[in-house]
Amino acid sequence: MPQEVEERYLKLLKRQEGKTKELSRKHSKQRSTHKVMKVSSGYLKGRSILSPSDKEVRPMMAKVKNAVFSMLLCRIGASQLPSECRWLDLFAGTGSVGIEALSRGCGLCHFVELDQWTANEVLLRNIGNVGLEADECVVHVENVFDFLSRFSYKSEIIGGPFDFVSVCPPYNNMDFARLVKSLEDSQAISERSFVIIEYPKEVEDHVGPNLGTLSRMVNRTYGRTTVAIYGPADLV
């Protein structure tokens, strides 16, 4: 083997070895949790909520969450959510949005989270730690797009469209155009639903003034984060 080719080959091996070590280090890294949030209102006010210590999960900021619930309650003209209403928390992560909804009066919340570790070590632990009952929560460990597309098959079992849907996806590698289309096409949402979508400002072209038959009521920016709230057209 010529010396120049051999040197290139050795450099390639060394580079590949470094990549392998880095990949191994990432996979072997032990994930952990810490308490960084609390339920802000309702009968669970002050209860701590766990969040992963890493940045794999991005919970909704407390000030954003409080603003969202204040705006929703103002729109429906109530001091708390009706006990008969049902909430769908997509990309649930810590479950902080759905738990807040239950604390503020909602009767049932379905949480959808794809990552098994997050579902077991964060979401389910939070549900148990704050003292929620099993009949108030349903956890689906699956892909959000799959859940939305297959909802028609589960609708009768789950109970039809949801009254409120929170959508707080990861910003990295998320196809927001596809996400919006999936929401519009899904039977999980009706013409009387309220939908909250959190998104980065740079994808605002994909989050328009309408979501199917629903109209945008609010589109407010908090730093890099923007929150759009959609609801029945006659309430806009």
C-alpha atoms as a PDB file:
ATOM      1  CA  MET A   1       0.000   0.000   0.000  1.00  0.00           C
ATOM      2  CA  PRO A   2       1.532   3.388  -0.986  1.00  0.00           C
ATOM      3  CA  GLN A   3       2.472   5.553   1.999  1.00  0.00           C
ATOM      4  CA  GLU A   4       0.033   8.364   1.080  1.00  0.00           C
ATOM      5  CA  VAL A   5      -2.881   5.936   0.790  1.00  0.00           C
ATOM      6  CA  GLU A   6      -1.897   4.253   4.039  1.00  0.00           C
ATOM      7  CA  GLU A   7      -1.835   7.594   5.887  1.00  0.00           C
ATOM      8  CA  ARG A   8      -5.299   8.491   4.589  1.00  0.00           C
ATOM      9  CA  TYR A   9      -6.554   5.055   5.600  1.00  0.00           C
ATOM     10  CA  LEU A  10      -5.164   5.419   9.146  1.00  0.00           C
ATOM     11  CA  LYS A  11      -6.710   8.879   9.486  1.00  0.00           C
ATOM     12  CA  LEU A  12     -10.085   7.466   8.365  1.00  0.00           C
ATOM     13  CA  LEU A  13      -9.829   4.650  10.927  1.00  0.00           C
ATOM     14  CA  LYS A  14      -8.980   7.116  13.673  1.00  0.00           C
ATOM     15  CA  ARG A  15     -11.877   9.378  12.743  1.00  0.00           C
ATOM     16  CA  GLN A  16     -14.276   6.426  12.653  1.00  0.00           C
ATOM     17  CA  GLU A  17     -13.011   5.233  16.041  1.00  0.00           C
ATOM     18  CA  GLY A  18     -13.724   8.670  17.490  1.00  0.00           C
ATOM     19  CA  LYS A  19     -17.265   8.655  16.105  1.00  0.00           C
ATOM     20  CA  THR A  20     -17.870   5.180  17.530  1.00  0.00           C
ATOM     21  CA  LYS A  21     -16.679   6.260  20.988  1.00  0.00           C
ATOM     22  CA  GLU A  22     -18.884   9.369  20.888  1.00  0.00           C
ATOM     23  CA  LEU A  23     -21.931   7.331  19.840  1.00  0.00           C
ATOM     24  CA  SER A  24     -21.242   4.809  22.585  1.00  0.00           C
ATOM     25  CA  ARG A  25     -20.893   7.602  25.137  1.00  0.00           C
ATOM     26  CA  LYS A  26     -24.241   9.082  24.118  1.00  0.00           C
ATOM     27  CA  HIS A  27     -26.057   5.756  24.367  1.00  0.00           C
ATOM     28  CA  SER A  28     -24.464   4.833  27.682  1.00  0.00           C
ATOM     29  CA  LYS A  29     -25.265   8.199  29.270  1.00  0.00           C
ATOM     30  CA  GLN A  30     -27.600   7.704  32.193  1.00  0.00           C
ATOM     31  CA  ARG A  31     -30.644   9.954  31.984  1.00  0.00           C
ATOM     32  CA  SER A  32     -31.976  11.495  35.154  1.00  0.00           C
ATOM     33  CA  THR A  33     -34.694  13.876  36.334  1.00  0.00           C
ATOM     34  CA  HIS A  34     -34.934  16.948  38.495  1.00  0.00           C
ATOM     35  CA  LYS A  35     -37.757  19.092  39.899  1.00  0.00           C
ATOM     36  CA  VAL A  36     -37.958  22.369  38.010  1.00  0.00           C
ATOM     37  CA  MET A  37     -41.700  23.021  37.663  1.00  0.00           C
ATOM     38  CA  LYS A  38     -44.827  23.204  39.754  1.00  0.00           C
ATOM     39  CA  VAL A  39     -48.543  23.052  39.020  1.00  0.00           C
ATOM     40  CA  SER A  40     -49.519  26.713  38.955  1.00  0.00           C
ATOM     41  CA  SER A  41     -53.230  26.663  39.763  1.00  0.00           C
ATOM     42  CA  GLY A  42     -56.170  24.496  40.772  1.00  0.00           C
ATOM     43  CA  TYR A  43     -56.469  21.805  43.409  1.00  0.00           C
ATOM     44  CA  LEU A  44     -52.963  20.477  42.628  1.00  0.00           C
ATOM     45  CA  LYS A  45     -51.340  23.921  42.907  1.00  0.00           C
ATOM     46  CA  GLY A  46     -47.768  23.806  44.151  1.00  0.00           C
ATOM     47  CA  ARG A  47     -47.175  20.105  43.410  1.00  0.00           C
ATOM     48  CA  SER A  48     -43.738  19.473  41.905  1.00  0.00           C
ATOM     49  CA  ILE A  49     -43.304  18.126  38.383  1.00  0.00           C
ATOM     50  CA  LEU A  50     -40.218  16.224  37.292  1.00  0.00           C
ATOM     51  CA  SER A  51     -38.391  17.038  34.075  1.00  0.00           C
ATOM     52  CA  PRO A  52     -35.434  15.282  32.420  1.00  0.00           C
ATOM     53  CA  SER A  53     -32.087  16.822  33.359  1.00  0.00           C
ATOM     54  CA  ASP A  54     -31.040  16.754  29.689  1.00  0.00           C
ATOM     55  CA  LYS A  55     -32.575  18.749  26.843  1.00  0.00           C
ATOM     56  CA  GLU A  56     -34.402  15.869  25.161  1.00  0.00           C
ATOM     57  CA  VAL A  57     -37.731  17.221  26.466  1.00  0.00           C
ATOM     58  CA  ARG A  58     -38.754  20.880  26.199  1.00  0.00           C
ATOM     59  CA  PRO A  59     -41.632  21.629  28.594  1.00  0.00           C
ATOM     60  CA  MET A  60     -43.880  24.624  27.997  1.00  0.00           C
ATOM     61  CA  MET A  61     -42.564  27.599  29.975  1.00  0.00           C
ATOM     62  CA  ALA A  62     -44.553  28.434  33.114  1.00  0.00           C
ATOM     63  CA  LYS A  63     -45.417  31.968  31.977  1.00  0.00           C
ATOM     64  CA  VAL A  64     -46.629  30.634  28.619  1.00  0.00           C
ATOM     65  CA  LYS A  65     -48.694  27.891  30.248  1.00  0.00           C
ATOM     66  CA  ASN A  66     -50.343  30.343  32.648  1.00  0.00           C
ATOM     67  CA  ALA A  67     -51.137  32.739  29.798  1.00  0.00           C
ATOM     68  CA  VAL A  68     -52.628  29.931  27.691  1.00  0.00           C
ATOM     69  CA  PHE A  69     -54.994  28.795  30.456  1.00  0.00           C
ATOM     70  CA  SER A  70     -55.995  32.371  31.283  1.00  0.00           C
ATOM     71  CA  MET A  71     -56.883  33.001  27.636  1.00  0.00           C
ATOM     72  CA  LEU A  72     -58.804  29.728  27.320  1.00  0.00           C
ATOM     73  CA  LEU A  73     -60.824  30.328  30.481  1.00  0.00           C
ATOM     74  CA  CYS A  74     -61.586  33.861  29.319  1.00  0.00           C
ATOM     75  CA  ARG A  75     -62.854  32.521  25.973  1.00  0.00           C
ATOM     76  CA  ILE A  76     -65.171  29.955  27.550  1.00  0.00           C
ATOM     77  CA  GLY A  77     -66.276  32.396  30.259  1.00  0.00           C
ATOM     78  CA  ALA A  78     -65.409  30.252  33.268  1.00  0.00           C
ATOM     79  CA  SER A  79     -63.069  30.288  36.264  1.00  0.00           C
ATOM     80  CA  GLN A  80     -62.069  26.658  35.686  1.00  0.00           C
ATOM     81  CA  LEU A  81     -62.436  23.997  33.018  1.00  0.00           C
ATOM     82  CA  PRO A  82     -65.727  22.046  32.953  1.00  0.00           C
ATOM     83  CA  SER A  83     -65.468  18.670  34.676  1.00  0.00           C
ATOM     84  CA  GLU A  84     -66.999  16.923  31.673  1.00  0.00           C
ATOM     85  CA  CYS A  85     -64.364  18.181  29.224  1.00  0.00           C
ATOM     86  CA  ARG A  86     -61.596  15.990  27.797  1.00  0.00           C
ATOM     87  CA  TRP A  87     -58.024  17.096  27.057  1.00  0.00           C
ATOM     88  CA  LEU A  88     -55.485  15.634  24.620  1.00  0.00           C
ATOM     89  CA  ASP A  89     -51.828  16.402  25.428  1.00  0.00           C
ATOM     90  CA  LEU A  90     -49.715  15.638  22.334  1.00  0.00           C
ATOM     91  CA  PHE A  91     -45.914  15.361  22.616  1.00  0.00           C
ATOM     92  CA  ALA A  92     -46.718  15.211  26.316  1.00  0.00           C
ATOM     93  CA  GLY A  93     -43.166  14.947  27.688  1.00  0.00           C
ATOM     94  CA  THR A  94     -43.454  15.804  31.389  1.00  0.00           C
ATOM     95  CA  GLY A  95     -47.245  15.955  31.110  1.00  0.00           C
ATOM     96  CA  SER A  96     -47.222  19.426  32.670  1.00  0.00           C
ATOM     97  CA  VAL A  97     -49.879  20.865  30.341  1.00  0.00           C
ATOM     98  CA  GLY A  98     -52.311  17.973  30.744  1.00  0.00           C
ATOM     99  CA  ILE A  99     -51.729  17.849  34.504  1.00  0.00           C
ATOM    100  CA  GLU A 100     -52.408  21.580  34.710  1.00  0.00           C
ATOM    101  CA  ALA A 101     -55.665  21.038  32.813  1.00  0.00           C
ATOM    102  CA  LEU A 102     -56.742  18.321  35.255  1.00  0.00           C
ATOM    103  CA  SER A 103     -55.819  20.510  38.209  1.00  0.00           C
ATOM    104  CA  ARG A 104     -57.992  23.288  36.770  1.00  0.00           C
ATOM    105  CA  GLY A 105     -61.104  21.128  36.554  1.00  0.00           C
ATOM    106  CA  CYS A 106     -60.809  19.002  33.397  1.00  0.00           C
ATOM    107  CA  GLY A 107     -62.257  15.535  33.921  1.00  0.00           C
ATOM    108  CA  LEU A 108     -59.985  13.404  31.713  1.00  0.00           C
ATOM    109  CA  CYS A 109     -56.674  13.767  29.877  1.00  0.00           C
ATOM    110  CA  HIS A 110     -55.049  11.544  27.279  1.00  0.00           C
ATOM    111  CA  PHE A 111     -51.260  11.929  27.056  1.00  0.00           C
ATOM    112  CA  VAL A 112     -49.332  10.900  23.921  1.00  0.00           C
ATOM    113  CA  GLU A 113     -45.561  10.467  24.269  1.00  0.00           C
ATOM    114  CA  LEU A 114     -43.311   8.422  21.976  1.00  0.00           C
ATOM    115  CA  ASP A 115     -40.167   8.047  24.113  1.00  0.00           C
ATOM    116  CA  GLN A 116     -40.455   5.039  26.423  1.00  0.00           C
ATOM    117  CA  TRP A 117     -38.043   6.360  29.051  1.00  0.00           C
ATOM    118  CA  THR A 118     -39.812   9.716  29.232  1.00  0.00           C
ATOM    119  CA  ALA A 119     -43.209   8.020  29.470  1.00  0.00           C
ATOM    120  CA  ASN A 120     -42.119   5.681  32.281  1.00  0.00           C
ATOM    121  CA  GLU A 121     -39.623   7.749  34.261  1.00  0.00           C
ATOM    122  CA  VAL A 122     -41.130  11.212  33.866  1.00  0.00           C
ATOM    123  CA  LEU A 123     -44.748  11.301  32.689  1.00  0.00           C
ATOM    124  CA  LEU A 124     -46.143   8.361  34.664  1.00  0.00           C
ATOM    125  CA  ARG A 125     -44.145   9.337  37.747  1.00  0.00           C
ATOM    126  CA  ASN A 126     -45.519  12.874  37.578  1.00  0.00           C
ATOM    127  CA  ILE A 127     -49.078  11.589  37.279  1.00  0.00           C
ATOM    128  CA  GLY A 128     -48.555   9.435  40.363  1.00  0.00           C
ATOM    129  CA  ASN A 129     -46.581  11.977  42.363  1.00  0.00           C
ATOM    130  CA  VAL A 130     -49.142  14.776  42.086  1.00  0.00           C
ATOM    131  CA  GLY A 131     -51.899  12.411  43.218  1.00  0.00           C
ATOM    132  CA  LEU A 132     -54.018  12.013  40.093  1.00  0.00           C
ATOM    133  CA  GLU A 133     -56.361   9.033  39.890  1.00  0.00           C
ATOM    134  CA  ALA A 134     -56.014   6.324  37.235  1.00  0.00           C
ATOM    135  CA  ASP A 135     -59.448   7.090  35.772  1.00  0.00           C
ATOM    136  CA  GLU A 136     -58.382  10.705  35.085  1.00  0.00           C
ATOM    137  CA  CYS A 137     -55.396   9.856  32.873  1.00  0.00           C
ATOM    138  CA  VAL A 138     -54.652   7.670  29.866  1.00  0.00           C
ATOM    139  CA  VAL A 139     -51.074   7.412  28.571  1.00  0.00           C
ATOM    140  CA  HIS A 140     -50.393   6.379  24.961  1.00  0.00           C
ATOM    141  CA  VAL A 141     -46.762   5.488  24.257  1.00  0.00           C
ATOM    142  CA  GLU A 142     -46.765   6.006  20.510  1.00  0.00           C
ATOM    143  CA  ASN A 143     -45.959   8.375  17.686  1.00  0.00           C
ATOM    144  CA  VAL A 144     -48.251  11.425  17.568  1.00  0.00           C
ATOM    145  CA  PHE A 145     -48.755  11.146  13.803  1.00  0.00           C
ATOM    146  CA  ASP A 146     -49.785   7.503  14.169  1.00  0.00           C
ATOM    147  CA  PHE A 147     -52.166   8.363  17.011  1.00  0.00           C
ATOM    148  CA  LEU A 148     -53.851  11.092  14.957  1.00  0.00           C
ATOM    149  CA  SER A 149     -54.136   9.020  11.785  1.00  0.00           C
ATOM    150  CA  ARG A 150     -55.520   5.976  13.601  1.00  0.00           C
ATOM    151  CA  PHE A 151     -57.861   7.883  15.860  1.00  0.00           C
ATOM    152  CA  SER A 152     -60.945   7.019  13.817  1.00  0.00           C
ATOM    153  CA  TYR A 153     -60.450   3.362  14.789  1.00  0.00           C
ATOM    154  CA  LYS A 154     -60.205   4.251  18.482  1.00  0.00           C
ATOM    155  CA  SER A 155     -62.793   7.002  18.557  1.00  0.00           C
ATOM    156  CA  GLU A 156     -65.656   4.994  20.051  1.00  0.00           C
ATOM    157  CA  ILE A 157     -63.414   3.532  22.741  1.00  0.00           C
ATOM    158  CA  ILE A 158     -61.698   6.831  23.564  1.00  0.00           C
ATOM    159  CA  GLY A 159     -64.909   8.830  23.447  1.00  0.00           C
ATOM    160  CA  GLY A 160     -64.885  10.880  20.257  1.00  0.00           C
ATOM    161  CA  PRO A 161     -63.164  14.224  19.548  1.00  0.00           C
ATOM    162  CA  PHE A 162     -61.458  16.106  22.356  1.00  0.00           C
ATOM    163  CA  ASP A 163     -62.594  19.448  23.728  1.00  0.00           C
ATOM    164  CA  PHE A 164     -59.031  20.734  24.132  1.00  0.00           C
ATOM    165  CA  VAL A 165     -55.823  19.687  22.390  1.00  0.00           C
ATOM    166  CA  SER A 166     -52.348  20.941  23.348  1.00  0.00           C
ATOM    167  CA  VAL A 167     -49.547  20.473  20.832  1.00  0.00           C
ATOM    168  CA  CYS A 168     -46.030  21.198  22.114  1.00  0.00           C
ATOM    169  CA  PRO A 169     -43.683  19.396  19.687  1.00  0.00           C
ATOM    170  CA  PRO A 170     -39.894  19.384  19.702  1.00  0.00           C
ATOM    171  CA  TYR A 171     -38.612  22.126  17.431  1.00  0.00           C
ATOM    172  CA  ASN A 172     -35.717  20.163  15.934  1.00  0.00           C
ATOM    173  CA  ASN A 173     -36.550  18.085  12.868  1.00  0.00           C
ATOM    174  CA  MET A 174     -40.296  18.659  13.230  1.00  0.00           C
ATOM    175  CA  ASP A 175     -42.282  18.936  10.007  1.00  0.00           C
ATOM    176  CA  PHE A 176     -44.842  21.546  11.076  1.00  0.00           C
ATOM    177  CA  ALA A 177     -46.637  21.522   7.719  1.00  0.00           C
ATOM    178  CA  ARG A 178     -47.243  17.787   8.116  1.00  0.00           C
ATOM    179  CA  LEU A 179     -48.229  18.261  11.756  1.00  0.00           C
ATOM    180  CA  VAL A 180     -50.862  20.885  10.933  1.00  0.00           C
ATOM    181  CA  LYS A 181     -52.252  18.726   8.120  1.00  0.00           C
ATOM    182  CA  SER A 182     -52.438  15.699  10.441  1.00  0.00           C
ATOM    183  CA  LEU A 183     -54.371  17.720  12.997  1.00  0.00           C
ATOM    184  CA  GLU A 184     -56.787  18.994  10.345  1.00  0.00           C
ATOM    185  CA  ASP A 185     -57.415  15.496   8.997  1.00  0.00           C
ATOM    186  CA  SER A 186     -57.772  13.768  12.358  1.00  0.00           C
ATOM    187  CA  GLN A 187     -61.102  12.953  13.946  1.00  0.00           C
ATOM    188  CA  ALA A 188     -59.532  13.775  17.302  1.00  0.00           C
ATOM    189  CA  ILE A 189     -60.614  17.376  16.675  1.00  0.00           C
ATOM    190  CA  SER A 190     -64.111  18.701  15.950  1.00  0.00           C
ATOM    191  CA  GLU A 191     -65.512  22.087  14.945  1.00  0.00           C
ATOM    192  CA  ARG A 192     -66.066  22.831  18.678  1.00  0.00           C
ATOM    193  CA  SER A 193     -62.534  21.969  19.844  1.00  0.00           C
ATOM    194  CA  PHE A 194     -59.872  24.341  21.114  1.00  0.00           C
ATOM    195  CA  VAL A 195     -56.330  23.631  19.885  1.00  0.00           C
ATOM    196  CA  ILE A 196     -53.127  25.131  21.288  1.00  0.00           C
ATOM    197  CA  ILE A 197     -50.004  24.885  19.110  1.00  0.00           C
ATOM    198  CA  GLU A 198     -46.577  25.980  20.339  1.00  0.00           C
ATOM    199  CA  TYR A 199     -44.064  26.627  17.563  1.00  0.00           C
ATOM    200  CA  PRO A 200     -40.876  28.560  16.726  1.00  0.00           C
ATOM    201  CA  LYS A 201     -41.292  31.838  14.855  1.00  0.00           C
ATOM    202  CA  GLU A 202     -39.337  30.599  11.848  1.00  0.00           C
ATOM    203  CA  VAL A 203     -42.117  28.156  10.846  1.00  0.00           C
ATOM    204  CA  GLU A 204     -44.985  30.642  11.155  1.00  0.00           C
ATOM    205  CA  ASP A 205     -45.832  30.245   7.442  1.00  0.00           C
ATOM    206  CA  HIS A 206     -47.003  26.689   8.226  1.00  0.00           C
ATOM    207  CA  VAL A 207     -49.253  27.722  11.130  1.00  0.00           C
ATOM    208  CA  GLY A 208     -51.927  29.767   9.402  1.00  0.00           C
ATOM    209  CA  PRO A 209     -55.105  31.632  10.409  1.00  0.00           C
ATOM    210  CA  ASN A 210     -57.251  28.489  10.173  1.00  0.00           C
ATOM    211  CA  LEU A 211     -56.942  24.899  11.320  1.00  0.00           C
ATOM    212  CA  GLY A 212     -59.558  23.020   9.356  1.00  0.00           C
ATOM    213  CA  THR A 213     -62.891  24.517  10.453  1.00  0.00           C
ATOM    214  CA  LEU A 214     -61.299  26.203  13.472  1.00  0.00           C
ATOM    215  CA  SER A 215     -60.191  29.843  13.447  1.00  0.00           C
ATOM    216  CA  ARG A 216     -57.142  31.319  15.123  1.00  0.00           C
ATOM    217  CA  MET A 217     -58.069  33.333  18.210  1.00  0.00           C
ATOM    218  CA  VAL A 218     -54.605  34.132  19.513  1.00  0.00           C
ATOM    219  CA  ASN A 219     -51.099  34.196  18.043  1.00  0.00           C
ATOM    220  CA  ARG A 220     -48.729  35.468  20.722  1.00  0.00           C
ATOM    221  CA  THR A 221     -44.929  35.399  20.856  1.00  0.00           C
ATOM    222  CA  TYR A 222     -42.806  34.825  23.969  1.00  0.00           C
ATOM    223  CA  GLY A 223     -39.138  35.121  22.992  1.00  0.00           C
ATOM    224  CA  ARG A 224     -38.459  32.423  20.397  1.00  0.00           C
ATOM    225  CA  THR A 225     -41.740  30.640  21.153  1.00  0.00           C
ATOM    226  CA  THR A 226     -45.085  31.505  19.566  1.00  0.00           C
ATOM    227  CA  VAL A 227     -48.412  30.119  20.745  1.00  0.00           C
ATOM    228  CA  ALA A 228     -51.450  29.902  18.481  1.00  0.00           C
ATOM    229  CA  ILE A 229     -54.870  29.096  19.931  1.00  0.00           C
ATOM    230  CA  TYR A 230     -57.628  27.915  17.587  1.00  0.00           C
ATOM    231  CA  GLY A 231     -61.291  27.576  18.412  1.00  0.00           C
ATOM    232  CA  PRO A 232     -64.852  27.586  17.041  1.00  0.00           C
ATOM    233  CA  ALA A 233     -65.317  30.292  14.407  1.00  0.00           C
ATOM    234  CA  ASP A 234     -68.321  31.804  16.195  1.00  0.00           C
ATOM    235  CA  LEU A 235     -66.174  32.568  19.274  1.00  0.00           C
ATOM    236  CA  VAL A 236     -63.466  34.522  17.435  1.00  0.00           C
END
